[in-house]
Amino acid sequence: MLTEKAAVITALIDDRWLLQGRVAEISEQMASGTIVFLRHLLSHYSADERVTVLAQRSGESLSFPVSIVHSATSLTPLQSTQLQQGSIVTVLNIRDESLQLYAQMKDSDQILHLGPLKLLNPYPFKLILTLGLFVLISLSLAIYILVRGMEKRLRKLERAATRFSRGDFEVRVNVGGADSIGRLAMAFNAMADHIQRLLSLQKR
């Protein structure tokens, strides 16, 4: 069953075969392509025939509203100028996430009107929520691993300092790394070497 966002696209292959496909979501690009195609198709008919042909075609091949109008009062002056110059004018309604498209027929004052269409939302709420939770969990895990590693290295340094304070002047710490903890361990080892040399000199 078709919804407001779905579309059925039909193409005639030959006298016996009809190719039909269903699109679950209608995008702005698809709607623009459709109205350009319809304008080209209707240009082969007279102005009087177009309403009939469009009604027949839309009933057979399209599942969204298409009509021919003679004025578009919802357009701004700039949009009306663009329409008269042959451009496809898109009117987007942010509130209900819908759009309408207008295309001027080149040989008459007829305006091809497509819509309103419900837009495809490229970032649905569930997807955003899932991605947000994934990023949050990934960051939390990375921070935990980083902090856990730093904590282990600091504990090594703490145990070495405790042993040194109790008279074990041979103790040295090897935590590696070129970060602040690594530099602190190097400073501790240099201090321990210096103190050990001073004690040896004092004994001699």
N, C-alpha and C. Protein backbone atom coordinates (compact mmCIF):
# COMPACT_ATOMS: atom_id res chain seq x y z
N MET A 1 0.86 -1.19 0.00
CA MET A 1 0.00 0.00 0.00
C MET A 1 0.89 1.24 0.00
N LEU A 2 0.63 2.20 -0.87
CA LEU A 2 1.47 3.36 -0.99
C LEU A 2 1.17 4.36 0.11
N THR A 3 2.23 5.03 0.56
CA THR A 3 2.09 6.07 1.57
C THR A 3 2.35 7.42 0.92
N GLU A 4 2.31 8.50 1.76
CA GLU A 4 2.55 9.83 1.23
C GLU A 4 3.97 9.98 0.71
N LYS A 5 4.90 9.19 1.24
CA LYS A 5 6.30 9.33 0.85
C LYS A 5 6.68 8.38 -0.28
N ALA A 6 5.82 7.47 -0.63
CA ALA A 6 6.17 6.45 -1.62
C ALA A 6 5.76 6.91 -3.02
N ALA A 7 6.39 6.28 -4.00
CA ALA A 7 6.07 6.60 -5.39
C ALA A 7 6.19 5.33 -6.23
N VAL A 8 5.37 5.28 -7.28
CA VAL A 8 5.45 4.18 -8.24
C VAL A 8 5.90 4.77 -9.57
N ILE A 9 6.97 4.20 -10.13
CA ILE A 9 7.50 4.65 -11.41
C ILE A 9 7.23 3.57 -12.45
N THR A 10 6.62 3.95 -13.57
CA THR A 10 6.23 3.00 -14.60
C THR A 10 6.82 3.42 -15.94
N ALA A 11 7.33 2.44 -16.67
CA ALA A 11 7.89 2.70 -18.00
C ALA A 11 7.41 1.60 -18.96
N LEU A 12 7.00 2.02 -20.14
CA LEU A 12 6.52 1.09 -21.15
C LEU A 12 7.71 0.54 -21.94
N ILE A 13 7.89 -0.78 -21.91
CA ILE A 13 9.00 -1.41 -22.63
C ILE A 13 8.60 -1.67 -24.08
N ASP A 14 7.48 -2.33 -24.26
CA ASP A 14 6.94 -2.54 -25.61
C ASP A 14 5.43 -2.68 -25.49
N ASP A 15 4.79 -3.22 -26.52
CA ASP A 15 3.33 -3.31 -26.51
C ASP A 15 2.80 -4.30 -25.47
N ARG A 16 3.65 -5.21 -25.00
CA ARG A 16 3.18 -6.24 -24.07
C ARG A 16 3.72 -6.09 -22.66
N TRP A 17 4.86 -5.43 -22.51
CA TRP A 17 5.53 -5.41 -21.21
C TRP A 17 5.59 -4.00 -20.64
N LEU A 18 5.34 -3.95 -19.34
CA LEU A 18 5.36 -2.68 -18.60
C LEU A 18 6.30 -2.85 -17.41
N LEU A 19 7.29 -1.98 -17.30
CA LEU A 19 8.23 -2.04 -16.18
C LEU A 19 7.76 -1.09 -15.11
N GLN A 20 7.60 -1.62 -13.92
CA GLN A 20 7.09 -0.81 -12.82
C GLN A 20 7.96 -1.03 -11.58
N GLY A 21 8.30 0.06 -10.92
CA GLY A 21 9.11 -0.01 -9.70
C GLY A 21 8.53 0.89 -8.63
N ARG A 22 8.72 0.46 -7.42
CA ARG A 22 8.21 1.25 -6.28
C ARG A 22 9.38 1.86 -5.52
N VAL A 23 9.29 3.15 -5.25
CA VAL A 23 10.30 3.86 -4.48
C VAL A 23 9.70 4.17 -3.11
N ALA A 24 10.36 3.69 -2.08
CA ALA A 24 9.80 3.83 -0.73
C ALA A 24 9.85 5.27 -0.23
N GLU A 25 10.86 6.03 -0.64
CA GLU A 25 11.01 7.41 -0.19
C GLU A 25 11.27 8.32 -1.39
N ILE A 26 10.63 9.47 -1.42
CA ILE A 26 10.78 10.42 -2.52
C ILE A 26 11.76 11.50 -2.08
N SER A 27 12.82 11.70 -2.85
CA SER A 27 13.80 12.73 -2.54
C SER A 27 13.54 13.96 -3.42
N GLU A 28 14.17 15.07 -3.08
CA GLU A 28 14.00 16.29 -3.86
C GLU A 28 14.55 16.12 -5.27
N GLN A 29 15.67 15.38 -5.39
CA GLN A 29 16.25 15.16 -6.71
C GLN A 29 15.31 14.35 -7.60
N MET A 30 14.66 13.36 -7.02
CA MET A 30 13.73 12.54 -7.79
C MET A 30 12.53 13.37 -8.25
N ALA A 31 12.03 14.22 -7.38
CA ALA A 31 10.90 15.07 -7.74
C ALA A 31 11.29 16.04 -8.85
N SER A 32 12.50 16.62 -8.77
CA SER A 32 12.96 17.55 -9.81
C SER A 32 13.10 16.84 -11.15
N GLY A 33 13.66 15.64 -11.13
CA GLY A 33 13.78 14.87 -12.36
C GLY A 33 12.42 14.53 -12.95
N THR A 34 11.46 14.25 -12.09
CA THR A 34 10.11 13.90 -12.56
C THR A 34 9.44 15.07 -13.26
N ILE A 35 9.55 16.26 -12.66
CA ILE A 35 8.85 17.41 -13.26
C ILE A 35 9.54 17.85 -14.56
N VAL A 36 10.85 17.69 -14.65
CA VAL A 36 11.56 17.98 -15.91
C VAL A 36 11.11 17.01 -16.99
N PHE A 37 10.98 15.74 -16.64
CA PHE A 37 10.53 14.73 -17.60
C PHE A 37 9.10 15.02 -18.07
N LEU A 38 8.24 15.37 -17.10
CA LEU A 38 6.85 15.64 -17.47
C LEU A 38 6.74 16.87 -18.36
N ARG A 39 7.53 17.90 -18.09
CA ARG A 39 7.49 19.09 -18.93
C ARG A 39 7.93 18.75 -20.36
N HIS A 40 8.97 17.95 -20.47
CA HIS A 40 9.42 17.53 -21.80
C HIS A 40 8.36 16.69 -22.51
N LEU A 41 7.71 15.79 -21.77
CA LEU A 41 6.68 14.94 -22.35
C LEU A 41 5.49 15.76 -22.84
N LEU A 42 5.04 16.71 -22.00
CA LEU A 42 3.85 17.50 -22.35
C LEU A 42 4.13 18.52 -23.44
N SER A 43 5.40 18.85 -23.68
CA SER A 43 5.71 19.82 -24.73
C SER A 43 5.37 19.30 -26.12
N HIS A 44 5.15 17.99 -26.24
CA HIS A 44 4.79 17.41 -27.54
C HIS A 44 3.29 17.48 -27.80
N TYR A 45 2.53 17.99 -26.82
CA TYR A 45 1.07 18.10 -26.99
C TYR A 45 0.69 19.58 -26.98
N SER A 46 -0.49 19.85 -27.52
CA SER A 46 -1.00 21.22 -27.50
C SER A 46 -1.44 21.60 -26.09
N ALA A 47 -1.62 22.89 -25.86
CA ALA A 47 -2.01 23.36 -24.53
C ALA A 47 -3.34 22.77 -24.09
N ASP A 48 -4.27 22.57 -25.03
CA ASP A 48 -5.58 22.02 -24.68
C ASP A 48 -5.50 20.54 -24.33
N GLU A 49 -4.56 19.83 -24.94
CA GLU A 49 -4.47 18.38 -24.71
C GLU A 49 -3.72 18.03 -23.43
N ARG A 50 -2.94 18.95 -22.92
CA ARG A 50 -2.03 18.63 -21.82
C ARG A 50 -2.74 18.20 -20.54
N VAL A 51 -3.85 18.84 -20.22
CA VAL A 51 -4.57 18.49 -18.99
C VAL A 51 -5.05 17.05 -19.05
N THR A 52 -5.57 16.66 -20.19
CA THR A 52 -6.07 15.29 -20.35
C THR A 52 -4.93 14.29 -20.31
N VAL A 53 -3.86 14.60 -21.05
CA VAL A 53 -2.70 13.68 -21.08
C VAL A 53 -2.09 13.55 -19.70
N LEU A 54 -1.97 14.67 -18.98
CA LEU A 54 -1.36 14.63 -17.64
C LEU A 54 -2.23 13.83 -16.68
N ALA A 55 -3.54 14.01 -16.76
CA ALA A 55 -4.44 13.25 -15.88
C ALA A 55 -4.31 11.76 -16.15
N GLN A 56 -4.21 11.39 -17.42
CA GLN A 56 -4.07 9.98 -17.77
C GLN A 56 -2.72 9.45 -17.30
N ARG A 57 -1.64 10.19 -17.56
CA ARG A 57 -0.31 9.74 -17.20
C ARG A 57 -0.14 9.65 -15.68
N SER A 58 -0.63 10.65 -14.96
CA SER A 58 -0.46 10.65 -13.51
C SER A 58 -1.24 9.52 -12.87
N GLY A 59 -2.39 9.19 -13.46
CA GLY A 59 -3.17 8.08 -12.92
C GLY A 59 -2.51 6.75 -13.16
N GLU A 60 -1.78 6.62 -14.29
CA GLU A 60 -1.15 5.35 -14.64
C GLU A 60 0.24 5.19 -14.03
N SER A 61 1.00 6.26 -13.97
CA SER A 61 2.43 6.15 -13.68
C SER A 61 2.88 6.80 -12.38
N LEU A 62 2.09 7.70 -11.82
CA LEU A 62 2.54 8.45 -10.65
C LEU A 62 1.58 8.24 -9.49
N SER A 63 2.15 8.31 -8.29
CA SER A 63 1.31 8.16 -7.10
C SER A 63 1.32 9.44 -6.26
N PHE A 64 1.81 10.54 -6.83
CA PHE A 64 1.77 11.81 -6.12
C PHE A 64 1.11 12.85 -7.01
N PRO A 65 0.59 13.92 -6.42
CA PRO A 65 -0.23 14.88 -7.18
C PRO A 65 0.57 15.71 -8.17
N VAL A 66 0.06 15.77 -9.41
CA VAL A 66 0.63 16.62 -10.46
C VAL A 66 -0.54 17.30 -11.17
N SER A 67 -0.40 18.59 -11.43
CA SER A 67 -1.50 19.31 -12.08
C SER A 67 -0.93 20.46 -12.92
N ILE A 68 -1.78 21.01 -13.77
CA ILE A 68 -1.43 22.19 -14.56
C ILE A 68 -2.23 23.37 -14.05
N VAL A 69 -1.53 24.44 -13.68
CA VAL A 69 -2.18 25.65 -13.17
C VAL A 69 -1.75 26.82 -14.04
N HIS A 70 -2.44 27.95 -13.87
CA HIS A 70 -2.13 29.15 -14.66
C HIS A 70 -1.50 30.24 -13.82
N SER A 71 -1.39 30.01 -12.52
CA SER A 71 -0.73 30.99 -11.65
C SER A 71 -0.24 30.28 -10.40
N ALA A 72 0.82 30.83 -9.83
CA ALA A 72 1.39 30.28 -8.60
C ALA A 72 1.54 31.42 -7.60
N THR A 73 0.48 31.63 -6.84
CA THR A 73 0.45 32.78 -5.93
C THR A 73 1.38 32.61 -4.73
N SER A 74 1.79 31.39 -4.45
CA SER A 74 2.64 31.16 -3.28
C SER A 74 4.10 31.51 -3.54
N LEU A 75 4.46 31.83 -4.78
CA LEU A 75 5.85 32.12 -5.12
C LEU A 75 6.19 33.58 -4.84
N THR A 76 7.43 33.82 -4.49
CA THR A 76 7.93 35.17 -4.32
C THR A 76 8.21 35.79 -5.69
N PRO A 77 8.39 37.11 -5.75
CA PRO A 77 8.72 37.73 -7.05
C PRO A 77 9.98 37.15 -7.69
N LEU A 78 10.99 36.86 -6.88
CA LEU A 78 12.22 36.27 -7.42
C LEU A 78 11.95 34.88 -7.99
N GLN A 79 11.16 34.08 -7.27
CA GLN A 79 10.82 32.74 -7.75
C GLN A 79 9.98 32.81 -9.02
N SER A 80 9.09 33.78 -9.10
CA SER A 80 8.27 33.94 -10.31
C SER A 80 9.15 34.29 -11.51
N THR A 81 10.15 35.13 -11.28
CA THR A 81 11.08 35.48 -12.36
C THR A 81 11.87 34.25 -12.81
N GLN A 82 12.35 33.48 -11.85
CA GLN A 82 13.09 32.26 -12.19
C GLN A 82 12.20 31.28 -12.95
N LEU A 83 10.93 31.21 -12.56
CA LEU A 83 9.99 30.31 -13.24
C LEU A 83 9.81 30.73 -14.70
N GLN A 84 9.65 32.02 -14.93
CA GLN A 84 9.46 32.52 -16.29
C GLN A 84 10.71 32.32 -17.14
N GLN A 85 11.87 32.24 -16.50
CA GLN A 85 13.12 32.03 -17.24
C GLN A 85 13.38 30.56 -17.55
N GLY A 86 12.47 29.68 -17.11
CA GLY A 86 12.59 28.27 -17.43
C GLY A 86 13.17 27.40 -16.33
N SER A 87 13.44 27.98 -15.18
CA SER A 87 14.02 27.20 -14.08
C SER A 87 12.93 26.41 -13.35
N ILE A 88 13.36 25.35 -12.70
CA ILE A 88 12.47 24.59 -11.83
C ILE A 88 12.50 25.25 -10.46
N VAL A 89 11.36 25.67 -9.98
CA VAL A 89 11.28 26.36 -8.70
C VAL A 89 10.78 25.38 -7.64
N THR A 90 11.53 25.28 -6.57
CA THR A 90 11.19 24.38 -5.47
C THR A 90 10.80 25.20 -4.26
N VAL A 91 9.63 24.91 -3.70
CA VAL A 91 9.15 25.59 -2.51
C VAL A 91 9.15 24.57 -1.38
N LEU A 92 9.99 24.81 -0.38
CA LEU A 92 10.16 23.88 0.73
C LEU A 92 9.41 24.38 1.95
N ASN A 93 8.64 23.49 2.54
CA ASN A 93 7.93 23.80 3.78
C ASN A 93 8.64 23.05 4.92
N ILE A 94 9.36 23.80 5.74
CA ILE A 94 10.14 23.19 6.81
C ILE A 94 9.24 22.56 7.87
N ARG A 95 8.12 23.21 8.13
CA ARG A 95 7.28 22.77 9.24
C ARG A 95 6.77 21.35 9.06
N ASP A 96 6.22 21.04 7.90
CA ASP A 96 5.69 19.69 7.68
C ASP A 96 6.59 18.85 6.77
N GLU A 97 7.82 19.32 6.52
CA GLU A 97 8.81 18.58 5.74
C GLU A 97 8.24 18.14 4.38
N SER A 98 7.70 19.11 3.66
CA SER A 98 7.14 18.83 2.34
C SER A 98 7.67 19.85 1.34
N LEU A 99 7.53 19.54 0.06
CA LEU A 99 7.95 20.48 -0.97
C LEU A 99 6.97 20.45 -2.13
N GLN A 100 6.98 21.55 -2.87
CA GLN A 100 6.21 21.68 -4.09
C GLN A 100 7.14 22.18 -5.18
N LEU A 101 6.95 21.71 -6.39
CA LEU A 101 7.79 22.11 -7.51
C LEU A 101 6.92 22.70 -8.61
N TYR A 102 7.49 23.71 -9.27
CA TYR A 102 6.79 24.41 -10.36
C TYR A 102 7.70 24.47 -11.58
N ALA A 103 7.11 24.28 -12.75
CA ALA A 103 7.85 24.37 -14.01
C ALA A 103 6.96 25.05 -15.04
N GLN A 104 7.47 26.10 -15.67
CA GLN A 104 6.71 26.84 -16.67
C GLN A 104 6.81 26.15 -18.02
N MET A 105 5.66 25.93 -18.65
CA MET A 105 5.66 25.43 -20.02
C MET A 105 6.15 26.54 -20.95
N LYS A 106 6.99 26.20 -21.91
CA LYS A 106 7.69 27.21 -22.70
C LYS A 106 6.80 27.94 -23.70
N ASP A 107 5.72 27.30 -24.16
CA ASP A 107 4.93 27.90 -25.23
C ASP A 107 3.57 28.41 -24.76
N SER A 108 3.35 28.47 -23.45
CA SER A 108 2.07 28.96 -22.94
C SER A 108 2.26 29.47 -21.52
N ASP A 109 1.15 29.97 -20.93
CA ASP A 109 1.21 30.43 -19.54
C ASP A 109 0.92 29.30 -18.56
N GLN A 110 0.84 28.08 -19.05
CA GLN A 110 0.58 26.94 -18.18
C GLN A 110 1.80 26.63 -17.30
N ILE A 111 1.51 26.31 -16.06
CA ILE A 111 2.55 25.99 -15.08
C ILE A 111 2.31 24.57 -14.58
N LEU A 112 3.33 23.77 -14.66
CA LEU A 112 3.25 22.40 -14.17
C LEU A 112 3.53 22.41 -12.67
N HIS A 113 2.62 21.88 -11.89
CA HIS A 113 2.73 21.90 -10.43
C HIS A 113 2.79 20.47 -9.91
N LEU A 114 3.82 20.18 -9.14
CA LEU A 114 4.00 18.85 -8.56
C LEU A 114 4.05 18.99 -7.04
N GLY A 115 3.21 18.23 -6.36
CA GLY A 115 3.23 18.26 -4.90
C GLY A 115 1.89 18.69 -4.32
N PRO A 116 1.86 18.86 -3.01
CA PRO A 116 2.98 18.75 -2.06
C PRO A 116 3.42 17.30 -1.82
N LEU A 117 4.72 17.13 -1.61
CA LEU A 117 5.32 15.82 -1.37
C LEU A 117 5.97 15.79 0.00
N LYS A 118 5.81 14.68 0.67
CA LYS A 118 6.54 14.48 1.92
C LYS A 118 7.98 14.14 1.59
N LEU A 119 8.89 14.86 2.21
CA LEU A 119 10.30 14.68 1.91
C LEU A 119 10.87 13.48 2.63
N LEU A 120 11.89 12.89 1.99
CA LEU A 120 12.71 11.88 2.65
C LEU A 120 13.58 12.58 3.67
N ASN A 121 13.52 12.14 4.90
CA ASN A 121 14.39 12.68 5.95
C ASN A 121 15.68 11.87 5.99
N PRO A 122 16.84 12.45 5.54
CA PRO A 122 18.07 11.66 5.50
C PRO A 122 18.63 11.34 6.87
N TYR A 123 18.13 12.04 7.90
CA TYR A 123 18.64 11.82 9.25
C TYR A 123 17.48 11.58 10.21
N PRO A 124 16.83 10.42 10.14
CA PRO A 124 15.72 10.15 11.04
C PRO A 124 16.19 10.11 12.49
N PHE A 125 15.24 10.34 13.37
CA PHE A 125 15.58 10.47 14.79
C PHE A 125 16.21 9.20 15.34
N LYS A 126 15.69 8.04 14.96
CA LYS A 126 16.24 6.79 15.49
C LYS A 126 17.68 6.59 15.05
N LEU A 127 17.96 6.96 13.78
CA LEU A 127 19.33 6.82 13.28
C LEU A 127 20.28 7.76 14.02
N ILE A 128 19.83 9.01 14.23
CA ILE A 128 20.67 9.98 14.95
C ILE A 128 20.91 9.50 16.38
N LEU A 129 19.86 8.98 17.02
CA LEU A 129 20.00 8.49 18.39
C LEU A 129 20.97 7.32 18.44
N THR A 130 20.85 6.38 17.50
CA THR A 130 21.75 5.23 17.48
C THR A 130 23.19 5.65 17.26
N LEU A 131 23.41 6.56 16.30
CA LEU A 131 24.77 7.03 16.04
C LEU A 131 25.32 7.79 17.25
N GLY A 132 24.46 8.59 17.89
CA GLY A 132 24.90 9.33 19.08
C GLY A 132 25.33 8.40 20.21
N LEU A 133 24.53 7.37 20.43
CA LEU A 133 24.88 6.41 21.48
C LEU A 133 26.16 5.66 21.14
N PHE A 134 26.31 5.30 19.86
CA PHE A 134 27.53 4.58 19.44
C PHE A 134 28.77 5.45 19.66
N VAL A 135 28.68 6.72 19.26
CA VAL A 135 29.82 7.63 19.45
C VAL A 135 30.11 7.83 20.92
N LEU A 136 29.06 7.99 21.73
CA LEU A 136 29.24 8.20 23.17
C LEU A 136 29.90 6.99 23.83
N ILE A 137 29.43 5.79 23.48
CA ILE A 137 30.01 4.57 24.05
C ILE A 137 31.46 4.41 23.59
N SER A 138 31.73 4.69 22.32
CA SER A 138 33.10 4.57 21.81
C SER A 138 34.04 5.53 22.51
N LEU A 139 33.58 6.78 22.69
CA LEU A 139 34.42 7.76 23.40
C LEU A 139 34.64 7.35 24.85
N SER A 140 33.58 6.87 25.48
CA SER A 140 33.72 6.44 26.89
C SER A 140 34.71 5.29 27.01
N LEU A 141 34.63 4.33 26.08
CA LEU A 141 35.55 3.20 26.12
C LEU A 141 36.99 3.65 25.87
N ALA A 142 37.18 4.56 24.91
CA ALA A 142 38.53 5.05 24.63
C ALA A 142 39.10 5.80 25.82
N ILE A 143 38.28 6.63 26.46
CA ILE A 143 38.74 7.38 27.64
C ILE A 143 39.07 6.42 28.78
N TYR A 144 38.24 5.39 28.95
CA TYR A 144 38.50 4.43 30.03
C TYR A 144 39.83 3.71 29.81
N ILE A 145 40.07 3.27 28.56
CA ILE A 145 41.33 2.58 28.26
C ILE A 145 42.52 3.50 28.50
N LEU A 146 42.39 4.76 28.08
CA LEU A 146 43.48 5.73 28.27
C LEU A 146 43.74 5.99 29.74
N VAL A 147 42.69 6.24 30.49
CA VAL A 147 42.85 6.53 31.92
C VAL A 147 43.35 5.30 32.66
N ARG A 148 42.87 4.12 32.27
CA ARG A 148 43.32 2.88 32.91
C ARG A 148 44.82 2.69 32.73
N GLY A 149 45.32 2.93 31.51
CA GLY A 149 46.75 2.80 31.26
C GLY A 149 47.56 3.81 32.05
N MET A 150 47.09 5.05 32.12
CA MET A 150 47.79 6.07 32.90
C MET A 150 47.81 5.72 34.38
N GLU A 151 46.69 5.17 34.85
CA GLU A 151 46.61 4.81 36.28
C GLU A 151 47.61 3.71 36.62
N LYS A 152 47.77 2.71 35.74
CA LYS A 152 48.75 1.64 35.99
C LYS A 152 50.16 2.18 36.05
N ARG A 153 50.49 3.09 35.14
CA ARG A 153 51.84 3.66 35.13
C ARG A 153 52.09 4.52 36.37
N LEU A 154 51.08 5.27 36.80
CA LEU A 154 51.23 6.08 38.00
C LEU A 154 51.38 5.21 39.25
N ARG A 155 50.71 4.07 39.27
CA ARG A 155 50.86 3.17 40.41
C ARG A 155 52.26 2.59 40.48
N LYS A 156 52.86 2.27 39.31
CA LYS A 156 54.25 1.82 39.29
C LYS A 156 55.17 2.87 39.89
N LEU A 157 54.95 4.10 39.48
CA LEU A 157 55.77 5.21 39.99
C LEU A 157 55.56 5.40 41.48
N GLU A 158 54.33 5.25 41.92
CA GLU A 158 54.02 5.39 43.35
C GLU A 158 54.70 4.31 44.17
N ARG A 159 54.66 3.04 43.69
CA ARG A 159 55.30 1.95 44.42
C ARG A 159 56.81 2.13 44.49
N ALA A 160 57.40 2.62 43.37
CA ALA A 160 58.84 2.85 43.36
C ALA A 160 59.22 3.95 44.36
N ALA A 161 58.43 5.02 44.40
CA ALA A 161 58.72 6.10 45.34
C ALA A 161 58.56 5.63 46.78
N THR A 162 57.58 4.77 47.05
CA THR A 162 57.40 4.23 48.41
C THR A 162 58.59 3.37 48.82
N ARG A 163 59.03 2.51 47.92
CA ARG A 163 60.20 1.68 48.21
C ARG A 163 61.45 2.52 48.42
N PHE A 164 61.61 3.55 47.63
CA PHE A 164 62.77 4.42 47.76
C PHE A 164 62.76 5.14 49.10
N SER A 165 61.54 5.57 49.51
CA SER A 165 61.45 6.27 50.79
C SER A 165 61.74 5.36 51.97
N ARG A 166 61.63 4.04 51.78
CA ARG A 166 61.91 3.08 52.84
C ARG A 166 63.35 2.58 52.82
N GLY A 167 64.16 3.16 51.95
CA GLY A 167 65.58 2.82 51.97
C GLY A 167 66.03 1.93 50.83
N ASP A 168 65.17 1.56 49.92
CA ASP A 168 65.56 0.73 48.78
C ASP A 168 66.03 1.66 47.66
N PHE A 169 67.34 2.05 47.73
CA PHE A 169 67.86 3.03 46.79
C PHE A 169 68.20 2.42 45.42
N GLU A 170 68.04 1.12 45.29
CA GLU A 170 68.30 0.47 44.00
C GLU A 170 67.09 0.49 43.08
N VAL A 171 65.96 0.85 43.64
CA VAL A 171 64.72 0.77 42.87
C VAL A 171 64.73 1.80 41.74
N ARG A 172 64.25 1.38 40.61
CA ARG A 172 64.06 2.26 39.46
C ARG A 172 62.70 1.93 38.85
N VAL A 173 62.15 2.88 38.11
CA VAL A 173 60.84 2.68 37.52
C VAL A 173 60.96 2.78 36.00
N ASN A 174 60.27 1.88 35.32
CA ASN A 174 60.28 1.86 33.86
C ASN A 174 58.83 1.83 33.38
N VAL A 175 58.31 2.99 33.06
CA VAL A 175 56.92 3.08 32.58
C VAL A 175 56.86 3.40 31.10
N GLY A 176 57.97 3.85 30.51
CA GLY A 176 58.00 4.14 29.08
C GLY A 176 57.13 5.32 28.69
N GLY A 177 57.20 5.65 27.44
CA GLY A 177 56.39 6.75 26.92
C GLY A 177 57.11 8.07 26.97
N ALA A 178 56.69 8.98 26.09
CA ALA A 178 57.29 10.32 26.04
C ALA A 178 56.35 11.38 26.57
N ASP A 179 55.29 10.97 27.25
CA ASP A 179 54.34 11.92 27.79
C ASP A 179 54.81 12.41 29.16
N SER A 180 53.94 13.09 29.87
CA SER A 180 54.30 13.67 31.16
C SER A 180 54.64 12.59 32.19
N ILE A 181 53.95 11.46 32.14
CA ILE A 181 54.24 10.39 33.10
C ILE A 181 55.60 9.77 32.80
N GLY A 182 55.90 9.59 31.51
CA GLY A 182 57.21 9.07 31.13
C GLY A 182 58.33 10.01 31.55
N ARG A 183 58.14 11.32 31.36
CA ARG A 183 59.15 12.29 31.78
C ARG A 183 59.30 12.32 33.29
N LEU A 184 58.19 12.15 34.01
CA LEU A 184 58.25 12.10 35.47
C LEU A 184 59.03 10.88 35.94
N ALA A 185 58.84 9.74 35.27
CA ALA A 185 59.60 8.53 35.63
C ALA A 185 61.09 8.73 35.36
N MET A 186 61.43 9.38 34.25
CA MET A 186 62.84 9.65 33.97
C MET A 186 63.44 10.57 35.02
N ALA A 187 62.68 11.57 35.45
CA ALA A 187 63.16 12.48 36.49
C ALA A 187 63.35 11.74 37.81
N PHE A 188 62.43 10.82 38.11
CA PHE A 188 62.57 10.03 39.33
C PHE A 188 63.83 9.18 39.29
N ASN A 189 64.06 8.51 38.15
CA ASN A 189 65.25 7.66 38.02
C ASN A 189 66.53 8.50 38.12
N ALA A 190 66.55 9.68 37.52
CA ALA A 190 67.73 10.55 37.62
C ALA A 190 67.95 11.00 39.06
N MET A 191 66.86 11.33 39.75
CA MET A 191 66.99 11.72 41.15
C MET A 191 67.52 10.57 41.99
N ALA A 192 67.00 9.35 41.74
CA ALA A 192 67.46 8.18 42.50
C ALA A 192 68.94 7.91 42.24
N ASP A 193 69.38 8.04 40.98
CA ASP A 193 70.80 7.86 40.66
C ASP A 193 71.66 8.88 41.38
N HIS A 194 71.20 10.12 41.38
CA HIS A 194 71.97 11.18 42.03
C HIS A 194 72.07 10.95 43.53
N ILE A 195 70.96 10.62 44.16
CA ILE A 195 70.97 10.38 45.60
C ILE A 195 71.83 9.17 45.94
N GLN A 196 71.76 8.13 45.13
CA GLN A 196 72.56 6.93 45.38
C GLN A 196 74.05 7.25 45.28
N ARG A 197 74.44 8.08 44.30
CA ARG A 197 75.85 8.46 44.19
C ARG A 197 76.29 9.28 45.39
N LEU A 198 75.42 10.18 45.84
CA LEU A 198 75.76 11.00 47.02
C LEU A 198 75.94 10.11 48.27
N LEU A 199 75.07 9.10 48.40
CA LEU A 199 75.19 8.22 49.56
C LEU A 199 76.47 7.38 49.48
N SER A 200 76.80 6.97 48.25
CA SER A 200 78.04 6.19 48.10
C SER A 200 79.27 7.03 48.45
N LEU A 201 79.27 8.31 48.01
CA LEU A 201 80.36 9.19 48.34
C LEU A 201 80.43 9.45 49.86
N GLN A 202 79.25 9.57 50.46
CA GLN A 202 79.23 9.81 51.90
C GLN A 202 79.79 8.63 52.65
N LYS A 203 79.46 7.39 52.21
CA LYS A 203 79.98 6.19 52.86
C LYS A 203 81.51 6.11 52.72
N ARG A 204 82.01 6.45 51.52
CA ARG A 204 83.44 6.39 51.32
C ARG A 204 84.14 7.46 52.12
